[in-house]
Amino acid sequence: MSEQRSAEQSPEGWDKAASKYEGNVELITAAFARKMFDHVDLTPSTQLLDVAAGAGVVALSAARLGANVLATDFSPKMADR
């Protein structure tokens, strides 16, 4: 017996949302990342793991500030962005 999953519970659902993500969620996430990293001392020795990274807004922000970042997402189209 297989259980039906919602769009948010599958990579395919997030693949479909990827094209709309930039204009909406990424802007909010970028603002959050800026405020969050105001309170974190990131250095080249900082290791950051971003799980469910989406398009990588938080991961890229951390990398630009000097952290060593590994980001992953189960939606190939989100990660490709």
PDB file of N, CA and C in Angstrom:
ATOM      1  N   MET A   1       0.839  -1.175   0.000  1.00  0.00           N
ATOM      2  CA  MET A   1       0.000   0.000   0.000  1.00  0.00           C
ATOM      3  C   MET A   1       0.889   1.245   0.000  1.00  0.00           C
ATOM      4  N   SER A   2       0.763   2.082  -1.012  1.00  0.00           N
ATOM      5  CA  SER A   2       1.597   3.278  -1.060  1.00  0.00           C
ATOM      6  C   SER A   2       0.771   4.489  -0.632  1.00  0.00           C
ATOM      7  N   GLU A   3       1.415   5.333   0.095  1.00  0.00           N
ATOM      8  CA  GLU A   3       0.778   6.542   0.607  1.00  0.00           C
ATOM      9  C   GLU A   3       1.062   7.684  -0.357  1.00  0.00           C
ATOM     10  N   GLN A   4       0.062   8.456  -0.705  1.00  0.00           N
ATOM     11  CA  GLN A   4       0.250   9.592  -1.599  1.00  0.00           C
ATOM     12  C   GLN A   4       0.901  10.737  -0.827  1.00  0.00           C
ATOM     13  N   ARG A   5       1.932  11.317  -1.429  1.00  0.00           N
ATOM     14  CA  ARG A   5       2.635  12.425  -0.799  1.00  0.00           C
ATOM     15  C   ARG A   5       2.212  13.748  -1.418  1.00  0.00           C
ATOM     16  N   SER A   6       2.276  14.785  -0.604  1.00  0.00           N
ATOM     17  CA  SER A   6       1.989  16.120  -1.125  1.00  0.00           C
ATOM     18  C   SER A   6       3.188  16.596  -1.945  1.00  0.00           C
ATOM     19  N   ALA A   7       2.991  17.669  -2.689  1.00  0.00           N
ATOM     20  CA  ALA A   7       4.061  18.212  -3.528  1.00  0.00           C
ATOM     21  C   ALA A   7       5.292  18.581  -2.713  1.00  0.00           C
ATOM     22  N   GLU A   8       5.092  19.056  -1.486  1.00  0.00           N
ATOM     23  CA  GLU A   8       6.216  19.468  -0.642  1.00  0.00           C
ATOM     24  C   GLU A   8       7.027  18.285  -0.125  1.00  0.00           C
ATOM     25  N   GLN A   9       6.481  17.086  -0.267  1.00  0.00           N
ATOM     26  CA  GLN A   9       7.150  15.895   0.252  1.00  0.00           C
ATOM     27  C   GLN A   9       7.889  15.120  -0.824  1.00  0.00           C
ATOM     28  N   SER A  10       8.015  15.690  -2.015  1.00  0.00           N
ATOM     29  CA  SER A  10       8.695  14.972  -3.085  1.00  0.00           C
ATOM     30  C   SER A  10       9.625  15.905  -3.850  1.00  0.00           C
ATOM     31  N   PRO A  11      10.729  15.362  -4.350  1.00  0.00           N
ATOM     32  CA  PRO A  11      11.612  16.200  -5.171  1.00  0.00           C
ATOM     33  C   PRO A  11      10.898  16.781  -6.386  1.00  0.00           C
ATOM     34  N   GLU A  12       9.992  16.017  -6.970  1.00  0.00           N
ATOM     35  CA  GLU A  12       9.283  16.494  -8.154  1.00  0.00           C
ATOM     36  C   GLU A  12       8.428  17.726  -7.850  1.00  0.00           C
ATOM     37  N   GLY A  13       7.831  17.745  -6.682  1.00  0.00           N
ATOM     38  CA  GLY A  13       7.042  18.914  -6.292  1.00  0.00           C
ATOM     39  C   GLY A  13       7.898  20.163  -6.192  1.00  0.00           C
ATOM     40  N   TRP A  14       9.075  20.018  -5.609  1.00  0.00           N
ATOM     41  CA  TRP A  14       9.979  21.161  -5.487  1.00  0.00           C
ATOM     42  C   TRP A  14      10.607  21.509  -6.829  1.00  0.00           C
ATOM     43  N   ASP A  15      10.829  20.505  -7.695  1.00  0.00           N
ATOM     44  CA  ASP A  15      11.320  20.795  -9.041  1.00  0.00           C
ATOM     45  C   ASP A  15      10.351  21.728  -9.769  1.00  0.00           C
ATOM     46  N   LYS A  16       9.049  21.468  -9.623  1.00  0.00           N
ATOM     47  CA  LYS A  16       8.037  22.310 -10.268  1.00  0.00           C
ATOM     48  C   LYS A  16       8.029  23.722  -9.684  1.00  0.00           C
ATOM     49  N   ALA A  17       8.318  23.853  -8.408  1.00  0.00           N
ATOM     50  CA  ALA A  17       8.300  25.163  -7.738  1.00  0.00           C
ATOM     51  C   ALA A  17       9.567  25.972  -7.980  1.00  0.00           C
ATOM     52  N   ALA A  18      10.622  25.340  -8.461  1.00  0.00           N
ATOM     53  CA  ALA A  18      11.930  25.994  -8.562  1.00  0.00           C
ATOM     54  C   ALA A  18      11.893  27.288  -9.368  1.00  0.00           C
ATOM     55  N   SER A  19      11.158  27.307 -10.455  1.00  0.00           N
ATOM     56  CA  SER A  19      11.148  28.506 -11.300  1.00  0.00           C
ATOM     57  C   SER A  19      10.478  29.695 -10.618  1.00  0.00           C
ATOM     58  N   LYS A  20       9.573  29.436  -9.691  1.00  0.00           N
ATOM     59  CA  LYS A  20       8.877  30.523  -8.984  1.00  0.00           C
ATOM     60  C   LYS A  20       9.584  30.925  -7.691  1.00  0.00           C
ATOM     61  N   TYR A  21      10.518  30.112  -7.271  1.00  0.00           N
ATOM     62  CA  TYR A  21      11.167  30.289  -5.977  1.00  0.00           C
ATOM     63  C   TYR A  21      11.947  31.598  -5.901  1.00  0.00           C
ATOM     64  N   GLU A  22      12.671  31.914  -6.971  1.00  0.00           N
ATOM     65  CA  GLU A  22      13.552  33.082  -6.957  1.00  0.00           C
ATOM     66  C   GLU A  22      12.810  34.372  -6.658  1.00  0.00           C
ATOM     67  N   GLY A  23      11.698  34.593  -7.293  1.00  0.00           N
ATOM     68  CA  GLY A  23      10.972  35.843  -7.123  1.00  0.00           C
ATOM     69  C   GLY A  23      10.253  35.973  -5.797  1.00  0.00           C
ATOM     70  N   ASN A  24      10.137  34.893  -5.064  1.00  0.00           N
ATOM     71  CA  ASN A  24       9.371  34.926  -3.824  1.00  0.00           C
ATOM     72  C   ASN A  24      10.227  34.582  -2.605  1.00  0.00           C
ATOM     73  N   VAL A  25      10.480  33.329  -2.434  1.00  0.00           N
ATOM     74  CA  VAL A  25      11.116  32.837  -1.210  1.00  0.00           C
ATOM     75  C   VAL A  25      12.573  33.269  -1.091  1.00  0.00           C
ATOM     76  N   GLU A  26      13.297  33.314  -2.190  1.00  0.00           N
ATOM     77  CA  GLU A  26      14.714  33.681  -2.119  1.00  0.00           C
ATOM     78  C   GLU A  26      14.919  35.079  -1.543  1.00  0.00           C
ATOM     79  N   LEU A  27      14.045  36.009  -1.859  1.00  0.00           N
ATOM     80  CA  LEU A  27      14.181  37.370  -1.335  1.00  0.00           C
ATOM     81  C   LEU A  27      14.038  37.388   0.186  1.00  0.00           C
ATOM     82  N   ILE A  28      13.070  36.644   0.683  1.00  0.00           N
ATOM     83  CA  ILE A  28      12.857  36.564   2.130  1.00  0.00           C
ATOM     84  C   ILE A  28      14.031  35.842   2.795  1.00  0.00           C
ATOM     85  N   THR A  29      14.472  34.749   2.180  1.00  0.00           N
ATOM     86  CA  THR A  29      15.584  33.973   2.735  1.00  0.00           C
ATOM     87  C   THR A  29      16.867  34.796   2.758  1.00  0.00           C
ATOM     88  N   ALA A  30      17.107  35.576   1.727  1.00  0.00           N
ATOM     89  CA  ALA A  30      18.315  36.415   1.683  1.00  0.00           C
ATOM     90  C   ALA A  30      18.301  37.447   2.807  1.00  0.00           C
ATOM     91  N   ALA A  31      17.158  38.051   3.056  1.00  0.00           N
ATOM     92  CA  ALA A  31      17.053  39.023   4.151  1.00  0.00           C
ATOM     93  C   ALA A  31      17.298  38.346   5.492  1.00  0.00           C
ATOM     94  N   PHE A  32      16.736  37.167   5.676  1.00  0.00           N
ATOM     95  CA  PHE A  32      16.958  36.398   6.904  1.00  0.00           C
ATOM     96  C   PHE A  32      18.436  36.044   7.052  1.00  0.00           C
ATOM     97  N   ALA A  33      19.072  35.605   5.976  1.00  0.00           N
ATOM     98  CA  ALA A  33      20.485  35.202   6.034  1.00  0.00           C
ATOM     99  C   ALA A  33      21.367  36.376   6.444  1.00  0.00           C
ATOM    100  N   ARG A  34      21.100  37.547   5.870  1.00  0.00           N
ATOM    101  CA  ARG A  34      21.903  38.732   6.240  1.00  0.00           C
ATOM    102  C   ARG A  34      21.799  39.015   7.734  1.00  0.00           C
ATOM    103  N   LYS A  35      20.587  38.983   8.267  1.00  0.00           N
ATOM    104  CA  LYS A  35      20.401  39.249   9.702  1.00  0.00           C
ATOM    105  C   LYS A  35      21.022  38.144  10.548  1.00  0.00           C
ATOM    106  N   MET A  36      20.853  36.907  10.128  1.00  0.00           N
ATOM    107  CA  MET A  36      21.403  35.781  10.876  1.00  0.00           C
ATOM    108  C   MET A  36      22.931  35.870  10.950  1.00  0.00           C
ATOM    109  N   PHE A  37      23.557  36.163   9.823  1.00  0.00           N
ATOM    110  CA  PHE A  37      25.014  36.195   9.807  1.00  0.00           C
ATOM    111  C   PHE A  37      25.587  37.443  10.473  1.00  0.00           C
ATOM    112  N   ASP A  38      24.754  38.415  10.794  1.00  0.00           N
ATOM    113  CA  ASP A  38      25.210  39.537  11.617  1.00  0.00           C
ATOM    114  C   ASP A  38      25.542  39.069  13.029  1.00  0.00           C
ATOM    115  N   HIS A  39      25.003  37.912  13.417  1.00  0.00           N
ATOM    116  CA  HIS A  39      25.169  37.400  14.775  1.00  0.00           C
ATOM    117  C   HIS A  39      26.068  36.174  14.848  1.00  0.00           C
ATOM    118  N   VAL A  40      26.702  35.826  13.726  1.00  0.00           N
ATOM    119  CA  VAL A  40      27.555  34.638  13.676  1.00  0.00           C
ATOM    120  C   VAL A  40      28.919  35.051  13.135  1.00  0.00           C
ATOM    121  N   ASP A  41      29.960  34.623  13.810  1.00  0.00           N
ATOM    122  CA  ASP A  41      31.316  34.931  13.367  1.00  0.00           C
ATOM    123  C   ASP A  41      31.796  33.824  12.429  1.00  0.00           C
ATOM    124  N   LEU A  42      31.658  34.049  11.127  1.00  0.00           N
ATOM    125  CA  LEU A  42      32.092  33.063  10.145  1.00  0.00           C
ATOM    126  C   LEU A  42      33.545  33.315   9.777  1.00  0.00           C
ATOM    127  N   THR A  43      34.321  32.262   9.785  1.00  0.00           N
ATOM    128  CA  THR A  43      35.732  32.332   9.430  1.00  0.00           C
ATOM    129  C   THR A  43      36.039  31.207   8.444  1.00  0.00           C
ATOM    130  N   PRO A  44      37.225  31.194   7.846  1.00  0.00           N
ATOM    131  CA  PRO A  44      37.578  30.085   6.961  1.00  0.00           C
ATOM    132  C   PRO A  44      37.562  28.717   7.662  1.00  0.00           C
ATOM    133  N   SER A  45      37.639  28.702   8.975  1.00  0.00           N
ATOM    134  CA  SER A  45      37.567  27.420   9.679  1.00  0.00           C
ATOM    135  C   SER A  45      36.130  27.016  10.034  1.00  0.00           C
ATOM    136  N   THR A  46      35.165  27.898   9.754  1.00  0.00           N
ATOM    137  CA  THR A  46      33.759  27.573   9.990  1.00  0.00           C
ATOM    138  C   THR A  46      33.294  26.568   8.950  1.00  0.00           C
ATOM    139  N   GLN A  47      32.676  25.485   9.410  1.00  0.00           N
ATOM    140  CA  GLN A  47      32.093  24.497   8.504  1.00  0.00           C
ATOM    141  C   GLN A  47      30.578  24.559   8.659  1.00  0.00           C
ATOM    142  N   LEU A  48      29.888  24.811   7.559  1.00  0.00           N
ATOM    143  CA  LEU A  48      28.448  24.962   7.589  1.00  0.00           C
ATOM    144  C   LEU A  48      27.816  23.920   6.673  1.00  0.00           C
ATOM    145  N   LEU A  49      26.861  23.170   7.201  1.00  0.00           N
ATOM    146  CA  LEU A  49      26.100  22.197   6.423  1.00  0.00           C
ATOM    147  C   LEU A  49      24.689  22.750   6.258  1.00  0.00           C
ATOM    148  N   ASP A  50      24.280  22.963   5.032  1.00  0.00           N
ATOM    149  CA  ASP A  50      22.939  23.474   4.732  1.00  0.00           C
ATOM    150  C   ASP A  50      22.139  22.342   4.091  1.00  0.00           C
ATOM    151  N   VAL A  51      21.243  21.750   4.868  1.00  0.00           N
ATOM    152  CA  VAL A  51      20.378  20.667   4.395  1.00  0.00           C
ATOM    153  C   VAL A  51      19.046  21.276   3.981  1.00  0.00           C
ATOM    154  N   ALA A  52      18.494  20.807   2.877  1.00  0.00           N
ATOM    155  CA  ALA A  52      17.299  21.406   2.283  1.00  0.00           C
ATOM    156  C   ALA A  52      17.628  22.843   1.876  1.00  0.00           C
ATOM    157  N   ALA A  53      18.734  22.984   1.185  1.00  0.00           N
ATOM    158  CA  ALA A  53      19.307  24.280   0.851  1.00  0.00           C
ATOM    159  C   ALA A  53      18.525  25.060  -0.195  1.00  0.00           C
ATOM    160  N   GLY A  54      17.600  24.409  -0.864  1.00  0.00           N
ATOM    161  CA  GLY A  54      16.881  25.113  -1.923  1.00  0.00           C
ATOM    162  C   GLY A  54      17.864  25.582  -2.974  1.00  0.00           C
ATOM    163  N   ALA A  55      17.767  26.830  -3.350  1.00  0.00           N
ATOM    164  CA  ALA A  55      18.663  27.399  -4.354  1.00  0.00           C
ATOM    165  C   ALA A  55      19.986  27.862  -3.761  1.00  0.00           C
ATOM    166  N   GLY A  56      20.188  27.640  -2.476  1.00  0.00           N
ATOM    167  CA  GLY A  56      21.484  27.909  -1.858  1.00  0.00           C
ATOM    168  C   GLY A  56      21.720  29.319  -1.361  1.00  0.00           C
ATOM    169  N   VAL A  57      20.672  30.061  -1.107  1.00  0.00           N
ATOM    170  CA  VAL A  57      20.828  31.458  -0.677  1.00  0.00           C
ATOM    171  C   VAL A  57      21.633  31.555   0.618  1.00  0.00           C
ATOM    172  N   VAL A  58      21.283  30.760   1.609  1.00  0.00           N
ATOM    173  CA  VAL A  58      22.003  30.797   2.889  1.00  0.00           C
ATOM    174  C   VAL A  58      23.422  30.278   2.703  1.00  0.00           C
ATOM    175  N   ALA A  59      23.573  29.173   1.978  1.00  0.00           N
ATOM    176  CA  ALA A  59      24.891  28.592   1.757  1.00  0.00           C
ATOM    177  C   ALA A  59      25.814  29.561   1.017  1.00  0.00           C
ATOM    178  N   LEU A  60      25.311  30.189  -0.023  1.00  0.00           N
ATOM    179  CA  LEU A  60      26.135  31.136  -0.777  1.00  0.00           C
ATOM    180  C   LEU A  60      26.491  32.359   0.059  1.00  0.00           C
ATOM    181  N   SER A  61      25.554  32.822   0.859  1.00  0.00           N
ATOM    182  CA  SER A  61      25.841  33.959   1.745  1.00  0.00           C
ATOM    183  C   SER A  61      26.964  33.613   2.717  1.00  0.00           C
ATOM    184  N   ALA A  62      26.890  32.428   3.300  1.00  0.00           N
ATOM    185  CA  ALA A  62      27.922  31.991   4.247  1.00  0.00           C
ATOM    186  C   ALA A  62      29.266  31.836   3.556  1.00  0.00           C
ATOM    187  N   ALA A  63      29.266  31.278   2.353  1.00  0.00           N
ATOM    188  CA  ALA A  63      30.519  31.104   1.614  1.00  0.00           C
ATOM    189  C   ALA A  63      31.154  32.452   1.284  1.00  0.00           C
ATOM    190  N   ARG A  64      30.328  33.417   0.903  1.00  0.00           N
ATOM    191  CA  ARG A  64      30.852  34.762   0.593  1.00  0.00           C
ATOM    192  C   ARG A  64      31.487  35.420   1.822  1.00  0.00           C
ATOM    193  N   LEU A  65      31.003  35.020   2.995  1.00  0.00           N
ATOM    194  CA  LEU A  65      31.556  35.571   4.239  1.00  0.00           C
ATOM    195  C   LEU A  65      32.749  34.758   4.748  1.00  0.00           C
ATOM    196  N   GLY A  66      33.146  33.728   4.009  1.00  0.00           N
ATOM    197  CA  GLY A  66      34.364  33.007   4.340  1.00  0.00           C
ATOM    198  C   GLY A  66      34.202  31.602   4.872  1.00  0.00           C
ATOM    199  N   ALA A  67      32.975  31.127   5.077  1.00  0.00           N
ATOM    200  CA  ALA A  67      32.773  29.784   5.632  1.00  0.00           C
ATOM    201  C   ALA A  67      33.022  28.709   4.578  1.00  0.00           C
ATOM    202  N   ASN A  68      33.369  27.533   5.048  1.00  0.00           N
ATOM    203  CA  ASN A  68      33.493  26.343   4.214  1.00  0.00           C
ATOM    204  C   ASN A  68      32.117  25.671   4.223  1.00  0.00           C
ATOM    205  N   VAL A  69      31.428  25.638   3.082  1.00  0.00           N
ATOM    206  CA  VAL A  69      30.015  25.262   3.040  1.00  0.00           C
ATOM    207  C   VAL A  69      29.791  24.006   2.204  1.00  0.00           C
ATOM    208  N   LEU A  70      28.914  23.146   2.701  1.00  0.00           N
ATOM    209  CA  LEU A  70      28.387  22.019   1.938  1.00  0.00           C
ATOM    210  C   LEU A  70      26.876  22.155   1.969  1.00  0.00           C
ATOM    211  N   ALA A  71      26.256  22.222   0.792  1.00  0.00           N
ATOM    212  CA  ALA A  71      24.806  22.383   0.705  1.00  0.00           C
ATOM    213  C   ALA A  71      24.214  21.240  -0.115  1.00  0.00           C
ATOM    214  N   THR A  72      23.016  20.808   0.286  1.00  0.00           N
ATOM    215  CA  THR A  72      22.338  19.738  -0.436  1.00  0.00           C
ATOM    216  C   THR A  72      20.829  19.976  -0.426  1.00  0.00           C
ATOM    217  N   ASP A  73      20.170  19.477  -1.454  1.00  0.00           N
ATOM    218  CA  ASP A  73      18.724  19.547  -1.522  1.00  0.00           C
ATOM    219  C   ASP A  73      18.235  18.346  -2.313  1.00  0.00           C
ATOM    220  N   PHE A  74      17.068  17.797  -1.973  1.00  0.00           N
ATOM    221  CA  PHE A  74      16.597  16.614  -2.677  1.00  0.00           C
ATOM    222  C   PHE A  74      15.913  16.932  -3.997  1.00  0.00           C
ATOM    223  N   SER A  75      15.772  18.210  -4.324  1.00  0.00           N
ATOM    224  CA  SER A  75      15.216  18.627  -5.600  1.00  0.00           C
ATOM    225  C   SER A  75      16.357  19.028  -6.531  1.00  0.00           C
ATOM    226  N   PRO A  76      16.616  18.251  -7.565  1.00  0.00           N
ATOM    227  CA  PRO A  76      17.700  18.596  -8.493  1.00  0.00           C
ATOM    228  C   PRO A  76      17.538  19.989  -9.107  1.00  0.00           C
ATOM    229  N   LYS A  77      16.327  20.388  -9.447  1.00  0.00           N
ATOM    230  CA  LYS A  77      16.138  21.696 -10.086  1.00  0.00           C
ATOM    231  C   LYS A  77      16.379  22.847  -9.124  1.00  0.00           C
ATOM    232  N   MET A  78      16.093  22.645  -7.850  1.00  0.00           N
ATOM    233  CA  MET A  78      16.403  23.683  -6.861  1.00  0.00           C
ATOM    234  C   MET A  78      17.918  23.812  -6.722  1.00  0.00           C
ATOM    235  N   ALA A  79      18.590  22.692  -6.602  1.00  0.00           N
ATOM    236  CA  ALA A  79      20.044  22.701  -6.411  1.00  0.00           C
ATOM    237  C   ALA A  79      20.771  23.231  -7.653  1.00  0.00           C
ATOM    238  N   ASP A  80      20.222  23.004  -8.831  1.00  0.00           N
ATOM    239  CA  ASP A  80      20.854  23.483 -10.072  1.00  0.00           C
ATOM    240  C   ASP A  80      20.830  24.983 -10.200  1.00  0.00           C
ATOM    241  N   ARG A  81      19.939  25.635  -9.502  1.00  0.00           N
ATOM    242  CA  ARG A  81      19.796  27.076  -9.646  1.00  0.00           C
ATOM    243  C   ARG A  81      21.002  27.758  -9.077  1.00  0.00           C
TER     244      ARG A  81
END
